[in-house]
Amino acid sequence: MKDEIKRNVLSKDQLKAKLDELGDEIKYRVEEAKKSGNSVGGAHKTDIGELMKDYRMMKEAYGRILNTEKESLQLEDILSTLAEEKEEDSKKLKEREEIQASRIESFGELIELVTKIKSALPKAKKETEKYYKTNPKSYAVVFPTDQMKKDLEDILEKLVGKDETVDENVDDNTEE
């Protein structure tokens, strides 16, 4: 039987079937030996001893197959998880790059808004002067300059910090 095991490589299922068959054969022979009144000794002992030896070898081989299979599945899970993480990382990387590009592009929009504000301020000033000339006793707010000034100061603080000042001679085309 050893030679048969060495020559034929059995699959896990075939090995399990042989193992079960051999276990049943051992049980049968032990029962037969007991029935015949000869304890488990003599010729039966040698025969059963060989079967038990083969059984242990097959059981050990089956155990190694199960362990190898289990380790293989664990490795497969690890590799699968790593592949998913790598895939997620590339998705996250792309998403992060898009968000960063969008934020950088927003500065262009802000510059356009500031340019529009700069051109709108002199017009608003003229309208305010005109209104107060035609209504000299009025306290009406034509444009909420106090609130606009506060909002612009808040924006400036966010851009340069609370204690810092902006150099008024900064070149508009300066890029880093």
N, C-alpha and C. Protein backbone atom coordinates (compact mmCIF):
# COMPACT_ATOMS: atom_id res chain seq x y z
N MET A 1 0.82 -1.18 0.00
CA MET A 1 0.00 0.00 0.00
C MET A 1 0.87 1.25 0.00
N LYS A 2 2.03 1.25 0.70
CA LYS A 2 2.94 2.40 0.70
C LYS A 2 3.36 2.74 -0.71
N ASP A 3 3.72 1.68 -1.49
CA ASP A 3 4.16 1.91 -2.86
C ASP A 3 3.05 2.53 -3.68
N GLU A 4 1.82 2.12 -3.42
CA GLU A 4 0.68 2.66 -4.15
C GLU A 4 0.52 4.15 -3.84
N ILE A 5 0.71 4.53 -2.59
CA ILE A 5 0.60 5.94 -2.18
C ILE A 5 1.71 6.75 -2.82
N LYS A 6 2.93 6.21 -2.84
CA LYS A 6 4.05 6.92 -3.42
C LYS A 6 3.89 7.10 -4.93
N ARG A 7 3.40 6.08 -5.62
CA ARG A 7 3.27 6.14 -7.07
C ARG A 7 2.11 7.00 -7.51
N ASN A 8 1.00 6.91 -6.82
CA ASN A 8 -0.19 7.65 -7.20
C ASN A 8 -0.35 8.87 -6.30
N VAL A 9 -0.41 10.02 -6.91
CA VAL A 9 -0.68 11.23 -6.14
C VAL A 9 -2.20 11.38 -6.11
N LEU A 10 -2.74 11.38 -4.91
CA LEU A 10 -4.19 11.43 -4.75
C LEU A 10 -4.65 12.86 -4.51
N SER A 11 -5.84 13.14 -4.98
CA SER A 11 -6.42 14.44 -4.68
C SER A 11 -6.91 14.42 -3.24
N LYS A 12 -7.28 15.58 -2.74
CA LYS A 12 -7.77 15.68 -1.37
C LYS A 12 -8.98 14.78 -1.17
N ASP A 13 -9.93 14.81 -2.08
CA ASP A 13 -11.14 14.00 -1.96
C ASP A 13 -10.83 12.50 -2.04
N GLN A 14 -9.92 12.12 -2.95
CA GLN A 14 -9.55 10.72 -3.07
C GLN A 14 -8.86 10.24 -1.79
N LEU A 15 -7.99 11.09 -1.26
CA LEU A 15 -7.29 10.74 -0.04
C LEU A 15 -8.27 10.59 1.12
N LYS A 16 -9.24 11.48 1.21
CA LYS A 16 -10.25 11.42 2.27
C LYS A 16 -11.05 10.12 2.14
N ALA A 17 -11.42 9.76 0.92
CA ALA A 17 -12.19 8.52 0.68
C ALA A 17 -11.35 7.30 1.09
N LYS A 18 -10.08 7.27 0.71
CA LYS A 18 -9.20 6.16 1.07
C LYS A 18 -9.04 6.08 2.58
N LEU A 19 -8.91 7.23 3.20
CA LEU A 19 -8.75 7.31 4.65
C LEU A 19 -9.97 6.72 5.34
N ASP A 20 -11.14 7.11 4.89
CA ASP A 20 -12.38 6.58 5.46
C ASP A 20 -12.47 5.07 5.24
N GLU A 21 -12.11 4.63 4.05
CA GLU A 21 -12.16 3.21 3.70
C GLU A 21 -11.20 2.41 4.57
N LEU A 22 -10.00 2.94 4.76
CA LEU A 22 -9.00 2.27 5.57
C LEU A 22 -9.44 2.23 7.04
N GLY A 23 -10.01 3.31 7.53
CA GLY A 23 -10.53 3.35 8.90
C GLY A 23 -11.61 2.30 9.10
N ASP A 24 -12.51 2.19 8.13
CA ASP A 24 -13.58 1.18 8.20
C ASP A 24 -12.99 -0.24 8.18
N GLU A 25 -11.97 -0.46 7.35
CA GLU A 25 -11.32 -1.77 7.26
C GLU A 25 -10.68 -2.15 8.60
N ILE A 26 -10.03 -1.18 9.23
CA ILE A 26 -9.40 -1.44 10.53
C ILE A 26 -10.46 -1.82 11.55
N LYS A 27 -11.54 -1.07 11.60
CA LYS A 27 -12.62 -1.36 12.55
C LYS A 27 -13.19 -2.76 12.29
N TYR A 28 -13.39 -3.09 11.03
CA TYR A 28 -13.94 -4.41 10.66
C TYR A 28 -13.01 -5.52 11.13
N ARG A 29 -11.71 -5.39 10.87
CA ARG A 29 -10.77 -6.45 11.23
C ARG A 29 -10.66 -6.61 12.75
N VAL A 30 -10.71 -5.48 13.48
CA VAL A 30 -10.66 -5.57 14.95
C VAL A 30 -11.90 -6.29 15.44
N GLU A 31 -13.07 -5.98 14.89
CA GLU A 31 -14.33 -6.64 15.29
C GLU A 31 -14.28 -8.13 14.95
N GLU A 32 -13.74 -8.49 13.78
CA GLU A 32 -13.63 -9.89 13.38
C GLU A 32 -12.70 -10.66 14.33
N ALA A 33 -11.61 -10.00 14.69
CA ALA A 33 -10.67 -10.66 15.59
C ALA A 33 -11.33 -10.92 16.94
N LYS A 34 -12.13 -9.96 17.41
CA LYS A 34 -12.82 -10.12 18.69
C LYS A 34 -13.87 -11.23 18.61
N LYS A 35 -14.56 -11.32 17.47
CA LYS A 35 -15.60 -12.34 17.30
C LYS A 35 -15.02 -13.75 17.30
N SER A 36 -13.85 -13.88 16.70
CA SER A 36 -13.26 -15.21 16.60
C SER A 36 -12.67 -15.67 17.92
N GLY A 37 -12.72 -14.80 18.90
CA GLY A 37 -12.25 -15.20 20.22
C GLY A 37 -10.75 -15.01 20.38
N ASN A 38 -10.07 -14.68 19.33
CA ASN A 38 -8.63 -14.43 19.45
C ASN A 38 -8.47 -12.93 19.73
N SER A 39 -8.14 -12.54 20.85
CA SER A 39 -7.98 -11.11 21.09
C SER A 39 -7.28 -10.51 19.88
N VAL A 40 -6.99 -9.29 19.93
CA VAL A 40 -6.33 -8.67 18.78
C VAL A 40 -4.86 -9.05 18.86
N GLY A 41 -4.56 -10.22 18.44
CA GLY A 41 -3.19 -10.69 18.54
C GLY A 41 -2.85 -11.58 17.37
N GLY A 42 -1.67 -12.17 17.40
CA GLY A 42 -1.24 -13.10 16.37
C GLY A 42 -1.20 -12.46 15.00
N ALA A 43 -1.72 -13.18 14.00
CA ALA A 43 -1.71 -12.73 12.62
C ALA A 43 -2.53 -11.46 12.46
N HIS A 44 -3.63 -11.42 13.20
CA HIS A 44 -4.48 -10.23 13.10
C HIS A 44 -3.75 -8.98 13.57
N LYS A 45 -2.92 -9.14 14.63
CA LYS A 45 -2.21 -7.99 15.18
C LYS A 45 -1.27 -7.41 14.15
N THR A 46 -0.53 -8.23 13.44
CA THR A 46 0.40 -7.77 12.42
C THR A 46 -0.36 -7.09 11.30
N ASP A 47 -1.44 -7.73 10.85
CA ASP A 47 -2.26 -7.20 9.76
C ASP A 47 -2.86 -5.85 10.15
N ILE A 48 -3.41 -5.77 11.33
CA ILE A 48 -4.04 -4.54 11.81
C ILE A 48 -2.97 -3.48 12.04
N GLY A 49 -1.80 -3.88 12.53
CA GLY A 49 -0.68 -2.95 12.74
C GLY A 49 -0.27 -2.26 11.45
N GLU A 50 -0.19 -3.05 10.36
CA GLU A 50 0.16 -2.48 9.05
C GLU A 50 -0.92 -1.50 8.58
N LEU A 51 -2.17 -1.93 8.76
CA LEU A 51 -3.27 -1.04 8.36
C LEU A 51 -3.24 0.27 9.17
N MET A 52 -2.96 0.18 10.46
CA MET A 52 -2.90 1.38 11.31
C MET A 52 -1.76 2.30 10.88
N LYS A 53 -0.63 1.70 10.52
CA LYS A 53 0.52 2.47 10.07
C LYS A 53 0.15 3.23 8.78
N ASP A 54 -0.47 2.53 7.83
CA ASP A 54 -0.91 3.17 6.59
C ASP A 54 -1.94 4.26 6.87
N TYR A 55 -2.83 3.96 7.80
CA TYR A 55 -3.88 4.92 8.17
C TYR A 55 -3.26 6.21 8.72
N ARG A 56 -2.28 6.05 9.63
CA ARG A 56 -1.63 7.23 10.21
C ARG A 56 -0.92 8.06 9.13
N MET A 57 -0.25 7.37 8.21
CA MET A 57 0.46 8.08 7.13
C MET A 57 -0.53 8.86 6.25
N MET A 58 -1.63 8.21 5.92
CA MET A 58 -2.63 8.86 5.07
C MET A 58 -3.29 10.03 5.81
N LYS A 59 -3.55 9.84 7.10
CA LYS A 59 -4.18 10.90 7.89
C LYS A 59 -3.24 12.10 7.98
N GLU A 60 -1.95 11.83 8.16
CA GLU A 60 -0.95 12.90 8.22
C GLU A 60 -0.90 13.65 6.88
N ALA A 61 -0.91 12.91 5.78
CA ALA A 61 -0.89 13.53 4.45
C ALA A 61 -2.15 14.37 4.24
N TYR A 62 -3.28 13.84 4.67
CA TYR A 62 -4.55 14.56 4.54
C TYR A 62 -4.51 15.86 5.37
N GLY A 63 -3.95 15.77 6.56
CA GLY A 63 -3.82 16.96 7.41
C GLY A 63 -2.96 18.02 6.76
N ARG A 64 -1.84 17.58 6.12
CA ARG A 64 -0.97 18.54 5.42
C ARG A 64 -1.72 19.19 4.26
N ILE A 65 -2.51 18.39 3.55
CA ILE A 65 -3.29 18.95 2.43
C ILE A 65 -4.27 20.00 2.95
N LEU A 66 -4.95 19.69 4.04
CA LEU A 66 -5.92 20.65 4.61
C LEU A 66 -5.21 21.92 5.06
N ASN A 67 -4.05 21.77 5.72
CA ASN A 67 -3.31 22.95 6.17
C ASN A 67 -2.83 23.78 4.98
N THR A 68 -2.32 23.09 3.96
CA THR A 68 -1.85 23.78 2.76
C THR A 68 -3.02 24.51 2.10
N GLU A 69 -4.15 23.83 2.03
CA GLU A 69 -5.34 24.44 1.42
C GLU A 69 -5.78 25.67 2.22
N LYS A 70 -5.77 25.54 3.54
CA LYS A 70 -6.17 26.64 4.42
C LYS A 70 -5.20 27.82 4.23
N GLU A 71 -3.90 27.54 4.24
CA GLU A 71 -2.90 28.59 4.05
C GLU A 71 -3.04 29.22 2.68
N SER A 72 -3.34 28.41 1.68
CA SER A 72 -3.53 28.92 0.34
C SER A 72 -4.72 29.87 0.27
N LEU A 73 -5.82 29.48 0.94
CA LEU A 73 -6.99 30.36 0.97
C LEU A 73 -6.70 31.65 1.71
N GLN A 74 -5.93 31.55 2.81
CA GLN A 74 -5.57 32.75 3.56
C GLN A 74 -4.70 33.67 2.69
N LEU A 75 -3.75 33.08 1.97
CA LEU A 75 -2.89 33.86 1.09
C LEU A 75 -3.72 34.51 -0.01
N GLU A 76 -4.67 33.75 -0.55
CA GLU A 76 -5.56 34.28 -1.58
C GLU A 76 -6.35 35.48 -1.04
N ASP A 77 -6.85 35.36 0.18
CA ASP A 77 -7.59 36.46 0.81
C ASP A 77 -6.70 37.68 0.98
N ILE A 78 -5.48 37.46 1.44
CA ILE A 78 -4.55 38.57 1.65
C ILE A 78 -4.25 39.26 0.32
N LEU A 79 -3.95 38.47 -0.71
CA LEU A 79 -3.65 39.05 -2.02
C LEU A 79 -4.85 39.80 -2.58
N SER A 80 -6.03 39.23 -2.39
CA SER A 80 -7.26 39.88 -2.86
C SER A 80 -7.46 41.21 -2.14
N THR A 81 -7.26 41.21 -0.83
CA THR A 81 -7.41 42.44 -0.05
C THR A 81 -6.40 43.49 -0.50
N LEU A 82 -5.15 43.06 -0.72
CA LEU A 82 -4.13 44.00 -1.18
C LEU A 82 -4.49 44.58 -2.55
N ALA A 83 -5.00 43.73 -3.43
CA ALA A 83 -5.41 44.20 -4.76
C ALA A 83 -6.54 45.22 -4.64
N GLU A 84 -7.51 44.94 -3.75
CA GLU A 84 -8.61 45.88 -3.55
C GLU A 84 -8.10 47.19 -2.97
N GLU A 85 -7.16 47.10 -2.00
CA GLU A 85 -6.61 48.32 -1.41
C GLU A 85 -5.86 49.12 -2.46
N LYS A 86 -5.11 48.42 -3.31
CA LYS A 86 -4.36 49.11 -4.35
C LYS A 86 -5.33 49.79 -5.30
N GLU A 87 -6.41 49.09 -5.65
CA GLU A 87 -7.42 49.65 -6.53
C GLU A 87 -8.07 50.86 -5.87
N GLU A 88 -8.39 50.72 -4.58
CA GLU A 88 -8.99 51.84 -3.85
C GLU A 88 -8.02 53.00 -3.79
N ASP A 89 -6.74 52.70 -3.59
CA ASP A 89 -5.75 53.75 -3.53
C ASP A 89 -5.70 54.54 -4.83
N SER A 90 -5.77 53.85 -5.97
CA SER A 90 -5.74 54.57 -7.24
C SER A 90 -7.00 55.40 -7.41
N LYS A 91 -8.14 54.88 -6.95
CA LYS A 91 -9.38 55.66 -6.99
C LYS A 91 -9.27 56.88 -6.08
N LYS A 92 -8.75 56.67 -4.87
CA LYS A 92 -8.58 57.77 -3.93
C LYS A 92 -7.58 58.79 -4.46
N LEU A 93 -6.52 58.30 -5.08
CA LEU A 93 -5.52 59.19 -5.64
C LEU A 93 -6.14 60.06 -6.72
N LYS A 94 -6.89 59.45 -7.61
CA LYS A 94 -7.54 60.21 -8.68
C LYS A 94 -8.52 61.23 -8.09
N GLU A 95 -9.30 60.80 -7.11
CA GLU A 95 -10.26 61.70 -6.46
C GLU A 95 -9.53 62.87 -5.79
N ARG A 96 -8.45 62.56 -5.09
CA ARG A 96 -7.68 63.61 -4.42
C ARG A 96 -7.10 64.59 -5.43
N GLU A 97 -6.56 64.08 -6.54
CA GLU A 97 -5.99 64.95 -7.57
C GLU A 97 -7.07 65.85 -8.17
N GLU A 98 -8.26 65.31 -8.38
CA GLU A 98 -9.36 66.11 -8.93
C GLU A 98 -9.78 67.21 -7.95
N ILE A 99 -9.86 66.88 -6.67
CA ILE A 99 -10.23 67.87 -5.65
C ILE A 99 -9.17 68.97 -5.59
N GLN A 100 -7.90 68.58 -5.60
CA GLN A 100 -6.83 69.57 -5.54
C GLN A 100 -6.86 70.48 -6.77
N ALA A 101 -7.06 69.91 -7.95
CA ALA A 101 -7.13 70.71 -9.18
C ALA A 101 -8.30 71.68 -9.11
N SER A 102 -9.42 71.20 -8.60
CA SER A 102 -10.61 72.05 -8.47
C SER A 102 -10.35 73.22 -7.52
N ARG A 103 -9.67 72.94 -6.43
CA ARG A 103 -9.37 74.01 -5.46
C ARG A 103 -8.42 75.04 -6.05
N ILE A 104 -7.45 74.58 -6.82
CA ILE A 104 -6.51 75.50 -7.47
C ILE A 104 -7.24 76.35 -8.51
N GLU A 105 -8.12 75.71 -9.30
CA GLU A 105 -8.90 76.44 -10.30
C GLU A 105 -9.80 77.49 -9.65
N SER A 106 -10.25 77.23 -8.43
CA SER A 106 -11.12 78.17 -7.72
C SER A 106 -10.44 79.52 -7.52
N PHE A 107 -9.12 79.51 -7.40
CA PHE A 107 -8.42 80.78 -7.25
C PHE A 107 -8.59 81.66 -8.49
N GLY A 108 -8.64 81.04 -9.64
CA GLY A 108 -8.89 81.80 -10.87
C GLY A 108 -10.25 82.47 -10.81
N GLU A 109 -11.24 81.74 -10.32
CA GLU A 109 -12.59 82.30 -10.17
C GLU A 109 -12.59 83.43 -9.15
N LEU A 110 -11.84 83.25 -8.06
CA LEU A 110 -11.75 84.30 -7.04
C LEU A 110 -11.10 85.56 -7.62
N ILE A 111 -10.06 85.38 -8.40
CA ILE A 111 -9.38 86.53 -9.03
C ILE A 111 -10.35 87.27 -9.94
N GLU A 112 -11.16 86.52 -10.70
CA GLU A 112 -12.17 87.15 -11.56
C GLU A 112 -13.17 87.95 -10.73
N LEU A 113 -13.62 87.36 -9.60
CA LEU A 113 -14.56 88.07 -8.73
C LEU A 113 -13.95 89.35 -8.17
N VAL A 114 -12.69 89.24 -7.73
CA VAL A 114 -12.01 90.43 -7.19
C VAL A 114 -11.88 91.51 -8.27
N THR A 115 -11.59 91.11 -9.48
CA THR A 115 -11.49 92.06 -10.59
C THR A 115 -12.83 92.74 -10.82
N LYS A 116 -13.91 91.96 -10.78
CA LYS A 116 -15.26 92.54 -10.95
C LYS A 116 -15.58 93.48 -9.79
N ILE A 117 -15.18 93.09 -8.58
CA ILE A 117 -15.42 93.94 -7.40
C ILE A 117 -14.66 95.25 -7.56
N LYS A 118 -13.39 95.14 -8.00
CA LYS A 118 -12.58 96.34 -8.18
C LYS A 118 -13.20 97.30 -9.18
N SER A 119 -13.79 96.75 -10.24
CA SER A 119 -14.42 97.64 -11.23
C SER A 119 -15.79 98.12 -10.76
N ALA A 120 -16.45 97.36 -9.90
CA ALA A 120 -17.78 97.74 -9.41
C ALA A 120 -17.71 98.77 -8.29
N LEU A 121 -16.63 98.81 -7.53
CA LEU A 121 -16.52 99.73 -6.39
C LEU A 121 -16.60 101.21 -6.80
N PRO A 122 -15.86 101.63 -7.82
CA PRO A 122 -15.98 103.05 -8.21
C PRO A 122 -17.40 103.42 -8.66
N LYS A 123 -18.09 102.49 -9.33
CA LYS A 123 -19.47 102.74 -9.76
C LYS A 123 -20.39 102.87 -8.55
N ALA A 124 -20.21 101.95 -7.57
CA ALA A 124 -21.03 102.00 -6.36
C ALA A 124 -20.76 103.29 -5.59
N LYS A 125 -19.51 103.74 -5.57
CA LYS A 125 -19.16 104.99 -4.89
C LYS A 125 -19.88 106.17 -5.54
N LYS A 126 -19.88 106.21 -6.88
CA LYS A 126 -20.55 107.30 -7.61
C LYS A 126 -22.05 107.29 -7.34
N GLU A 127 -22.64 106.08 -7.31
CA GLU A 127 -24.09 105.98 -7.04
C GLU A 127 -24.40 106.48 -5.64
N THR A 128 -23.54 106.12 -4.68
CA THR A 128 -23.74 106.56 -3.30
C THR A 128 -23.63 108.09 -3.21
N GLU A 129 -22.60 108.66 -3.85
CA GLU A 129 -22.44 110.12 -3.86
C GLU A 129 -23.66 110.78 -4.50
N LYS A 130 -24.11 110.24 -5.63
CA LYS A 130 -25.27 110.79 -6.33
C LYS A 130 -26.51 110.75 -5.43
N TYR A 131 -26.71 109.61 -4.74
CA TYR A 131 -27.88 109.45 -3.87
C TYR A 131 -27.86 110.49 -2.75
N TYR A 132 -26.67 110.67 -2.10
CA TYR A 132 -26.59 111.60 -0.98
C TYR A 132 -26.68 113.06 -1.46
N LYS A 133 -26.29 113.35 -2.70
CA LYS A 133 -26.45 114.71 -3.24
C LYS A 133 -27.92 115.01 -3.46
N THR A 134 -28.66 114.00 -3.93
CA THR A 134 -30.09 114.23 -4.16
C THR A 134 -30.90 114.10 -2.87
N ASN A 135 -30.36 113.41 -1.86
CA ASN A 135 -31.02 113.22 -0.55
C ASN A 135 -30.05 113.58 0.57
N PRO A 136 -29.71 114.86 0.73
CA PRO A 136 -28.68 115.24 1.69
C PRO A 136 -29.03 114.95 3.14
N LYS A 137 -30.27 114.83 3.51
CA LYS A 137 -30.65 114.58 4.90
C LYS A 137 -30.82 113.09 5.20
N SER A 138 -30.54 112.22 4.23
CA SER A 138 -30.78 110.78 4.38
C SER A 138 -29.67 110.08 5.15
N TYR A 139 -30.10 109.11 5.92
CA TYR A 139 -29.17 108.20 6.61
C TYR A 139 -29.23 106.80 5.96
N ALA A 140 -29.92 106.67 4.88
CA ALA A 140 -30.12 105.36 4.22
C ALA A 140 -28.78 104.76 3.78
N VAL A 141 -28.76 103.44 3.87
CA VAL A 141 -27.58 102.71 3.41
C VAL A 141 -27.80 102.35 1.94
N VAL A 142 -26.99 102.94 1.09
CA VAL A 142 -27.11 102.65 -0.34
C VAL A 142 -26.43 101.30 -0.62
N PHE A 143 -25.22 101.15 -0.14
CA PHE A 143 -24.49 99.88 -0.21
C PHE A 143 -23.97 99.60 1.20
N PRO A 144 -24.03 98.35 1.66
CA PRO A 144 -23.59 98.03 3.03
C PRO A 144 -22.06 97.99 3.14
N THR A 145 -21.46 99.16 3.04
CA THR A 145 -19.99 99.23 3.02
C THR A 145 -19.34 98.68 4.29
N ASP A 146 -19.95 98.94 5.45
CA ASP A 146 -19.36 98.42 6.69
C ASP A 146 -19.29 96.90 6.67
N GLN A 147 -20.37 96.24 6.24
CA GLN A 147 -20.41 94.78 6.16
C GLN A 147 -19.46 94.27 5.08
N MET A 148 -19.43 94.94 3.92
CA MET A 148 -18.52 94.51 2.85
C MET A 148 -17.06 94.61 3.30
N LYS A 149 -16.73 95.72 4.00
CA LYS A 149 -15.36 95.91 4.50
C LYS A 149 -15.00 94.78 5.46
N LYS A 150 -15.92 94.44 6.38
CA LYS A 150 -15.67 93.37 7.35
C LYS A 150 -15.48 92.04 6.62
N ASP A 151 -16.34 91.76 5.64
CA ASP A 151 -16.23 90.51 4.88
C ASP A 151 -14.90 90.42 4.14
N LEU A 152 -14.48 91.52 3.52
CA LEU A 152 -13.21 91.53 2.79
C LEU A 152 -12.02 91.39 3.73
N GLU A 153 -12.12 91.99 4.91
CA GLU A 153 -11.05 91.83 5.91
C GLU A 153 -10.98 90.37 6.37
N ASP A 154 -12.13 89.72 6.53
CA ASP A 154 -12.15 88.30 6.91
C ASP A 154 -11.49 87.45 5.82
N ILE A 155 -11.80 87.76 4.59
CA ILE A 155 -11.20 87.02 3.47
C ILE A 155 -9.69 87.23 3.46
N LEU A 156 -9.28 88.48 3.62
CA LEU A 156 -7.85 88.78 3.63
C LEU A 156 -7.15 88.05 4.78
N GLU A 157 -7.80 88.01 5.93
CA GLU A 157 -7.23 87.30 7.08
C GLU A 157 -7.05 85.81 6.77
N LYS A 158 -8.01 85.22 6.07
CA LYS A 158 -7.91 83.80 5.70
C LYS A 158 -6.77 83.56 4.73
N LEU A 159 -6.50 84.55 3.89
CA LEU A 159 -5.45 84.38 2.88
C LEU A 159 -4.05 84.62 3.42
N VAL A 160 -3.88 85.61 4.32
CA VAL A 160 -2.52 85.95 4.76
C VAL A 160 -2.30 85.79 6.25
N GLY A 161 -3.32 85.54 7.01
CA GLY A 161 -3.18 85.38 8.46
C GLY A 161 -3.58 86.66 9.17
N LYS A 162 -3.86 86.53 10.43
CA LYS A 162 -4.41 87.64 11.22
C LYS A 162 -3.41 88.77 11.43
N ASP A 163 -2.17 88.42 11.75
CA ASP A 163 -1.18 89.44 12.09
C ASP A 163 -0.36 89.91 10.90
N GLU A 164 -0.48 89.25 9.76
CA GLU A 164 0.32 89.61 8.61
C GLU A 164 -0.38 90.67 7.78
N THR A 165 0.42 91.42 7.05
CA THR A 165 -0.14 92.41 6.13
C THR A 165 0.27 92.02 4.73
N VAL A 166 -0.49 92.49 3.77
CA VAL A 166 -0.21 92.18 2.38
C VAL A 166 0.59 93.32 1.79
N ASP A 167 1.68 92.98 1.11
CA ASP A 167 2.47 94.00 0.43
C ASP A 167 1.66 94.53 -0.74
N GLU A 168 1.42 95.82 -0.76
CA GLU A 168 0.57 96.40 -1.79
C GLU A 168 1.26 96.45 -3.13
N ASN A 169 2.58 96.25 -3.16
CA ASN A 169 3.31 96.31 -4.41
C ASN A 169 3.57 94.93 -5.00
N VAL A 170 2.80 93.93 -4.59
CA VAL A 170 2.99 92.56 -5.08
C VAL A 170 2.60 92.51 -6.54
N ASP A 171 3.42 91.86 -7.33
CA ASP A 171 3.15 91.70 -8.76
C ASP A 171 1.99 90.73 -8.94
N ASP A 172 0.99 91.12 -9.73
CA ASP A 172 -0.20 90.29 -9.95
C ASP A 172 0.11 88.98 -10.64
N ASN A 173 1.22 88.89 -11.34
CA ASN A 173 1.55 87.68 -12.11
C ASN A 173 2.48 86.75 -11.35
N THR A 174 2.72 87.00 -10.09
CA THR A 174 3.63 86.14 -9.31
C THR A 174 2.98 84.79 -9.10
N GLU A 175 3.70 83.73 -9.47
CA GLU A 175 3.22 82.36 -9.26
C GLU A 175 4.33 81.57 -8.62
N GLU A 176 3.95 80.65 -7.77
CA GLU A 176 4.95 79.78 -7.13
C GLU A 176 4.84 78.39 -7.65
